[in-house]
């Protein structure tokens, strides 16, 4: 396993531990589990949806604006 893969595995384990702790602390309750993470930690490798601003810019570039 490469160093970057080990870093990714550690990052995911950290987030999983945080979720497990938040769940344990919220039980029994009706509130959803919540942890605070940075944008970097929330990137699970899925492409981000384009924002409305990005879509407007793309539309403008197609029209030659």
PDB file of N, CA and C in Angstrom:
ATOM      1  N   UNK A   1       0.852  -1.173   0.000  1.00  0.00           N
ATOM      2  CA  UNK A   1       0.000   0.000   0.000  1.00  0.00           C
ATOM      3  C   UNK A   1       0.893   1.228   0.000  1.00  0.00           C
ATOM      4  N   UNK A   2       0.614   2.163  -0.914  1.00  0.00           N
ATOM      5  CA  UNK A   2       1.438   3.360  -1.001  1.00  0.00           C
ATOM      6  C   UNK A   2       1.142   4.299   0.167  1.00  0.00           C
ATOM      7  N   UNK A   3       2.026   5.274   0.335  1.00  0.00           N
ATOM      8  CA  UNK A   3       1.866   6.227   1.433  1.00  0.00           C
ATOM      9  C   UNK A   3       0.570   7.029   1.285  1.00  0.00           C
ATOM     10  N   UNK A   4       0.229   7.424   0.047  1.00  0.00           N
ATOM     11  CA  UNK A   4      -1.006   8.190  -0.162  1.00  0.00           C
ATOM     12  C   UNK A   4      -2.237   7.336   0.149  1.00  0.00           C
ATOM     13  N   UNK A   5      -2.170   6.047  -0.153  1.00  0.00           N
ATOM     14  CA  UNK A   5      -3.279   5.151   0.177  1.00  0.00           C
ATOM     15  C   UNK A   5      -3.398   4.985   1.693  1.00  0.00           C
ATOM     16  N   UNK A   6      -2.264   4.931   2.380  1.00  0.00           N
ATOM     17  CA  UNK A   6      -2.279   4.831   3.838  1.00  0.00           C
ATOM     18  C   UNK A   6      -2.863   6.101   4.451  1.00  0.00           C
ATOM     19  N   UNK A   7      -2.489   7.262   3.902  1.00  0.00           N
ATOM     20  CA  UNK A   7      -3.028   8.535   4.381  1.00  0.00           C
ATOM     21  C   UNK A   7      -4.546   8.575   4.194  1.00  0.00           C
ATOM     22  N   UNK A   8      -5.002   8.130   3.034  1.00  0.00           N
ATOM     23  CA  UNK A   8      -6.439   8.107   2.749  1.00  0.00           C
ATOM     24  C   UNK A   8      -7.162   7.165   3.707  1.00  0.00           C
ATOM     25  N   UNK A   9      -6.584   6.013   3.964  1.00  0.00           N
ATOM     26  CA  UNK A   9      -7.195   5.054   4.887  1.00  0.00           C
ATOM     27  C   UNK A   9      -7.269   5.637   6.300  1.00  0.00           C
ATOM     28  N   UNK A  10      -6.203   6.315   6.725  1.00  0.00           N
ATOM     29  CA  UNK A  10      -6.212   6.954   8.058  1.00  0.00           C
ATOM     30  C   UNK A  10      -7.262   8.050   8.139  1.00  0.00           C
ATOM     31  N   UNK A  11      -7.390   8.829   7.079  1.00  0.00           N
ATOM     32  CA  UNK A  11      -8.370   9.917   7.041  1.00  0.00           C
ATOM     33  C   UNK A  11      -9.788   9.354   7.152  1.00  0.00           C
ATOM     34  N   UNK A  12     -10.055   8.302   6.409  1.00  0.00           N
ATOM     35  CA  UNK A  12     -11.391   7.684   6.462  1.00  0.00           C
ATOM     36  C   UNK A  12     -11.658   7.055   7.828  1.00  0.00           C
ATOM     37  N   UNK A  13     -10.643   6.443   8.424  1.00  0.00           N
ATOM     38  CA  UNK A  13     -10.804   5.864   9.759  1.00  0.00           C
ATOM     39  C   UNK A  13     -11.099   6.944  10.791  1.00  0.00           C
ATOM     40  N   UNK A  14     -10.427   8.097  10.662  1.00  0.00           N
ATOM     41  CA  UNK A  14     -10.660   9.210  11.580  1.00  0.00           C
ATOM     42  C   UNK A  14     -12.108   9.678  11.485  1.00  0.00           C
ATOM     43  N   UNK A  15     -12.595   9.859  10.271  1.00  0.00           N
ATOM     44  CA  UNK A  15     -13.972  10.301  10.072  1.00  0.00           C
ATOM     45  C   UNK A  15     -14.942   9.257  10.612  1.00  0.00           C
ATOM     46  N   UNK A  16     -14.655   7.982  10.379  1.00  0.00           N
ATOM     47  CA  UNK A  16     -15.532   6.927  10.880  1.00  0.00           C
ATOM     48  C   UNK A  16     -15.578   6.940  12.408  1.00  0.00           C
ATOM     49  N   UNK A  17     -14.421   7.145  13.053  1.00  0.00           N
ATOM     50  CA  UNK A  17     -14.384   7.233  14.519  1.00  0.00           C
ATOM     51  C   UNK A  17     -15.213   8.407  15.015  1.00  0.00           C
ATOM     52  N   UNK A  18     -15.084   9.552  14.324  1.00  0.00           N
ATOM     53  CA  UNK A  18     -15.856  10.735  14.708  1.00  0.00           C
ATOM     54  C   UNK A  18     -17.358  10.463  14.582  1.00  0.00           C
ATOM     55  N   UNK A  19     -17.759   9.822  13.506  1.00  0.00           N
ATOM     56  CA  UNK A  19     -19.172   9.484  13.330  1.00  0.00           C
ATOM     57  C   UNK A  19     -19.648   8.519  14.415  1.00  0.00           C
ATOM     58  N   UNK A  20     -18.841   7.512  14.713  1.00  0.00           N
ATOM     59  CA  UNK A  20     -19.197   6.542  15.757  1.00  0.00           C
ATOM     60  C   UNK A  20     -19.358   7.228  17.109  1.00  0.00           C
ATOM     61  N   UNK A  21     -18.438   8.141  17.425  1.00  0.00           N
ATOM     62  CA  UNK A  21     -18.513   8.869  18.701  1.00  0.00           C
ATOM     63  C   UNK A  21     -19.743   9.766  18.740  1.00  0.00           C
ATOM     64  N   UNK A  22     -20.018  10.467  17.646  1.00  0.00           N
ATOM     65  CA  UNK A  22     -21.183  11.350  17.597  1.00  0.00           C
ATOM     66  C   UNK A  22     -22.471  10.550  17.739  1.00  0.00           C
ATOM     67  N   UNK A  23     -22.512   9.381  17.124  1.00  0.00           N
ATOM     68  CA  UNK A  23     -23.687   8.522  17.241  1.00  0.00           C
ATOM     69  C   UNK A  23     -23.867   8.045  18.673  1.00  0.00           C
ATOM     70  N   UNK A  24     -22.786   7.604  19.301  1.00  0.00           N
ATOM     71  CA  UNK A  24     -22.859   7.127  20.683  1.00  0.00           C
ATOM     72  C   UNK A  24     -23.313   8.234  21.622  1.00  0.00           C
ATOM     73  N   UNK A  25     -22.848   9.462  21.389  1.00  0.00           N
ATOM     74  CA  UNK A  25     -23.203  10.591  22.248  1.00  0.00           C
ATOM     75  C   UNK A  25     -24.635  11.064  22.033  1.00  0.00           C
ATOM     76  N   UNK A  26     -25.222  10.771  20.892  1.00  0.00           N
ATOM     77  CA  UNK A  26     -26.566  11.260  20.597  1.00  0.00           C
ATOM     78  C   UNK A  26     -27.649  10.230  20.926  1.00  0.00           C
ATOM     79  N   UNK A  27     -27.275   9.039  21.303  1.00  0.00           N
ATOM     80  CA  UNK A  27     -28.265   7.984  21.531  1.00  0.00           C
ATOM     81  C   UNK A  27     -28.745   7.995  22.962  1.00  0.00           C
ATOM     82  N   UNK A  28     -29.973   7.814  23.297  1.00  0.00           N
ATOM     83  CA  UNK A  28     -31.125   7.861  22.391  1.00  0.00           C
ATOM     84  C   UNK A  28     -31.600   9.294  22.218  1.00  0.00           C
ATOM     85  N   UNK A  29     -31.784   9.696  21.029  1.00  0.00           N
ATOM     86  CA  UNK A  29     -32.264  11.045  20.730  1.00  0.00           C
ATOM     87  C   UNK A  29     -32.842  11.067  19.325  1.00  0.00           C
ATOM     88  N   UNK A  30     -33.568  12.107  19.033  1.00  0.00           N
ATOM     89  CA  UNK A  30     -34.171  12.221  17.710  1.00  0.00           C
ATOM     90  C   UNK A  30     -33.344  13.073  16.769  1.00  0.00           C
ATOM     91  N   UNK A  31     -32.306  13.737  17.286  1.00  0.00           N
ATOM     92  CA  UNK A  31     -31.475  14.583  16.436  1.00  0.00           C
ATOM     93  C   UNK A  31     -30.559  13.740  15.562  1.00  0.00           C
ATOM     94  N   UNK A  32     -30.342  14.150  14.315  1.00  0.00           N
ATOM     95  CA  UNK A  32     -29.422  13.400  13.455  1.00  0.00           C
ATOM     96  C   UNK A  32     -27.977  13.558  13.911  1.00  0.00           C
ATOM     97  N   UNK A  33     -27.182  12.575  13.592  1.00  0.00           N
ATOM     98  CA  UNK A  33     -25.757  12.604  13.913  1.00  0.00           C
ATOM     99  C   UNK A  33     -25.091  13.668  13.059  1.00  0.00           C
ATOM    100  N   UNK A  34     -24.182  14.428  13.670  1.00  0.00           N
ATOM    101  CA  UNK A  34     -23.497  15.482  12.940  1.00  0.00           C
ATOM    102  C   UNK A  34     -22.080  15.632  13.462  1.00  0.00           C
ATOM    103  N   UNK A  35     -21.127  15.724  12.543  1.00  0.00           N
ATOM    104  CA  UNK A  35     -19.753  16.046  12.903  1.00  0.00           C
ATOM    105  C   UNK A  35     -19.314  17.197  12.010  1.00  0.00           C
ATOM    106  N   UNK A  36     -18.373  17.974  12.481  1.00  0.00           N
ATOM    107  CA  UNK A  36     -17.851  19.084  11.694  1.00  0.00           C
ATOM    108  C   UNK A  36     -16.549  18.630  11.060  1.00  0.00           C
ATOM    109  N   UNK A  37     -16.462  18.812   9.757  1.00  0.00           N
ATOM    110  CA  UNK A  37     -15.250  18.440   9.035  1.00  0.00           C
ATOM    111  C   UNK A  37     -14.849  19.594   8.127  1.00  0.00           C
ATOM    112  N   UNK A  38     -13.651  19.522   7.635  1.00  0.00           N
ATOM    113  CA  UNK A  38     -13.211  20.513   6.658  1.00  0.00           C
ATOM    114  C   UNK A  38     -13.698  20.082   5.276  1.00  0.00           C
ATOM    115  N   UNK A  39     -13.635  20.982   4.316  1.00  0.00           N
ATOM    116  CA  UNK A  39     -14.017  20.620   2.955  1.00  0.00           C
ATOM    117  C   UNK A  39     -13.173  19.465   2.442  1.00  0.00           C
ATOM    118  N   UNK A  40     -11.904  19.456   2.808  1.00  0.00           N
ATOM    119  CA  UNK A  40     -11.006  18.400   2.354  1.00  0.00           C
ATOM    120  C   UNK A  40     -11.458  17.048   2.882  1.00  0.00           C
ATOM    121  N   UNK A  41     -11.851  16.994   4.153  1.00  0.00           N
ATOM    122  CA  UNK A  41     -12.293  15.735   4.742  1.00  0.00           C
ATOM    123  C   UNK A  41     -13.599  15.252   4.150  1.00  0.00           C
ATOM    124  N   UNK A  42     -14.413  16.163   3.645  1.00  0.00           N
ATOM    125  CA  UNK A  42     -15.699  15.777   3.094  1.00  0.00           C
ATOM    126  C   UNK A  42     -15.600  15.302   1.650  1.00  0.00           C
ATOM    127  N   UNK A  43     -14.458  15.426   1.024  1.00  0.00           N
ATOM    128  CA  UNK A  43     -14.282  14.991  -0.352  1.00  0.00           C
ATOM    129  C   UNK A  43     -14.094  13.478  -0.378  1.00  0.00           C
ATOM    130  N   UNK A  44     -15.129  12.777  -0.781  1.00  0.00           N
ATOM    131  CA  UNK A  44     -15.071  11.313  -0.847  1.00  0.00           C
ATOM    132  C   UNK A  44     -14.802  10.842  -2.272  1.00  0.00           C
ATOM    133  N   UNK A  45     -14.238  11.712  -3.085  1.00  0.00           N
ATOM    134  CA  UNK A  45     -13.858  11.314  -4.430  1.00  0.00           C
ATOM    135  C   UNK A  45     -14.970  11.446  -5.447  1.00  0.00           C
ATOM    136  N   UNK A  46     -16.109  11.980  -5.041  1.00  0.00           N
ATOM    137  CA  UNK A  46     -17.208  12.161  -5.966  1.00  0.00           C
ATOM    138  C   UNK A  46     -17.088  13.544  -6.593  1.00  0.00           C
ATOM    139  N   UNK A  47     -17.365  13.649  -7.891  1.00  0.00           N
ATOM    140  CA  UNK A  47     -17.257  14.962  -8.521  1.00  0.00           C
ATOM    141  C   UNK A  47     -18.298  15.912  -7.944  1.00  0.00           C
ATOM    142  N   UNK A  48     -17.905  17.136  -7.749  1.00  0.00           N
ATOM    143  CA  UNK A  48     -18.810  18.144  -7.209  1.00  0.00           C
ATOM    144  C   UNK A  48     -19.769  18.601  -8.292  1.00  0.00           C
ATOM    145  N   UNK A  49     -20.997  18.855  -7.904  1.00  0.00           N
ATOM    146  CA  UNK A  49     -21.978  19.377  -8.850  1.00  0.00           C
ATOM    147  C   UNK A  49     -21.616  20.820  -9.163  1.00  0.00           C
ATOM    148  N   UNK A  50     -21.752  21.233 -10.411  1.00  0.00           N
ATOM    149  CA  UNK A  50     -21.419  22.620 -10.747  1.00  0.00           C
ATOM    150  C   UNK A  50     -22.377  23.579 -10.046  1.00  0.00           C
ATOM    151  N   UNK A  51     -21.838  24.692  -9.598  1.00  0.00           N
ATOM    152  CA  UNK A  51     -22.664  25.705  -8.942  1.00  0.00           C
ATOM    153  C   UNK A  51     -23.447  26.470  -9.988  1.00  0.00           C
ATOM    154  N   UNK A  52     -24.433  27.243  -9.542  1.00  0.00           N
ATOM    155  CA  UNK A  52     -25.225  28.060 -10.467  1.00  0.00           C
ATOM    156  C   UNK A  52     -24.323  29.057 -11.199  1.00  0.00           C
ATOM    157  N   UNK A  53     -23.327  29.618 -10.489  1.00  0.00           N
ATOM    158  CA  UNK A  53     -22.391  30.560 -11.127  1.00  0.00           C
ATOM    159  C   UNK A  53     -21.610  29.878 -12.241  1.00  0.00           C
ATOM    160  N   UNK A  54     -21.155  28.644 -11.984  1.00  0.00           N
ATOM    161  CA  UNK A  54     -20.413  27.906 -13.005  1.00  0.00           C
ATOM    162  C   UNK A  54     -21.286  27.640 -14.227  1.00  0.00           C
ATOM    163  N   UNK A  55     -22.550  27.302 -13.998  1.00  0.00           N
ATOM    164  CA  UNK A  55     -23.452  27.029 -15.109  1.00  0.00           C
ATOM    165  C   UNK A  55     -23.707  28.297 -15.913  1.00  0.00           C
ATOM    166  N   UNK A  56     -23.853  29.445 -15.237  1.00  0.00           N
ATOM    167  CA  UNK A  56     -24.056  30.713 -15.938  1.00  0.00           C
ATOM    168  C   UNK A  56     -22.846  31.055 -16.803  1.00  0.00           C
ATOM    169  N   UNK A  57     -21.641  30.873 -16.248  1.00  0.00           N
ATOM    170  CA  UNK A  57     -20.422  31.171 -16.995  1.00  0.00           C
ATOM    171  C   UNK A  57     -20.305  30.283 -18.225  1.00  0.00           C
ATOM    172  N   UNK A  58     -20.645  28.990 -18.053  1.00  0.00           N
ATOM    173  CA  UNK A  58     -20.568  28.060 -19.185  1.00  0.00           C
ATOM    174  C   UNK A  58     -21.573  28.461 -20.258  1.00  0.00           C
ATOM    175  N   UNK A  59     -22.774  28.845 -19.846  1.00  0.00           N
ATOM    176  CA  UNK A  59     -23.802  29.278 -20.787  1.00  0.00           C
ATOM    177  C   UNK A  59     -23.348  30.516 -21.546  1.00  0.00           C
ATOM    178  N   UNK A  60     -22.749  31.484 -20.823  1.00  0.00           N
ATOM    179  CA  UNK A  60     -22.248  32.712 -21.446  1.00  0.00           C
ATOM    180  C   UNK A  60     -21.144  32.409 -22.457  1.00  0.00           C
ATOM    181  N   UNK A  61     -20.260  31.473 -22.119  1.00  0.00           N
ATOM    182  CA  UNK A  61     -19.146  31.168 -23.019  1.00  0.00           C
ATOM    183  C   UNK A  61     -19.645  30.498 -24.297  1.00  0.00           C
ATOM    184  N   UNK A  62     -20.727  29.746 -24.199  1.00  0.00           N
ATOM    185  CA  UNK A  62     -21.285  29.107 -25.392  1.00  0.00           C
ATOM    186  C   UNK A  62     -21.918  30.129 -26.335  1.00  0.00           C
ATOM    187  N   UNK A  63     -22.472  31.205 -25.733  1.00  0.00           N
ATOM    188  CA  UNK A  63     -23.123  32.243 -26.533  1.00  0.00           C
ATOM    189  C   UNK A  63     -22.123  33.257 -27.044  1.00  0.00           C
ATOM    190  N   UNK A  64     -20.896  33.168 -26.589  1.00  0.00           N
ATOM    191  CA  UNK A  64     -19.871  34.112 -27.013  1.00  0.00           C
ATOM    192  C   UNK A  64     -19.899  35.399 -26.239  1.00  0.00           C
ATOM    193  N   UNK A  65     -20.502  35.365 -25.083  1.00  0.00           N
ATOM    194  CA  UNK A  65     -20.598  36.590 -24.258  1.00  0.00           C
ATOM    195  C   UNK A  65     -19.304  36.866 -23.549  1.00  0.00           C
TER     196      UNK A  65
END
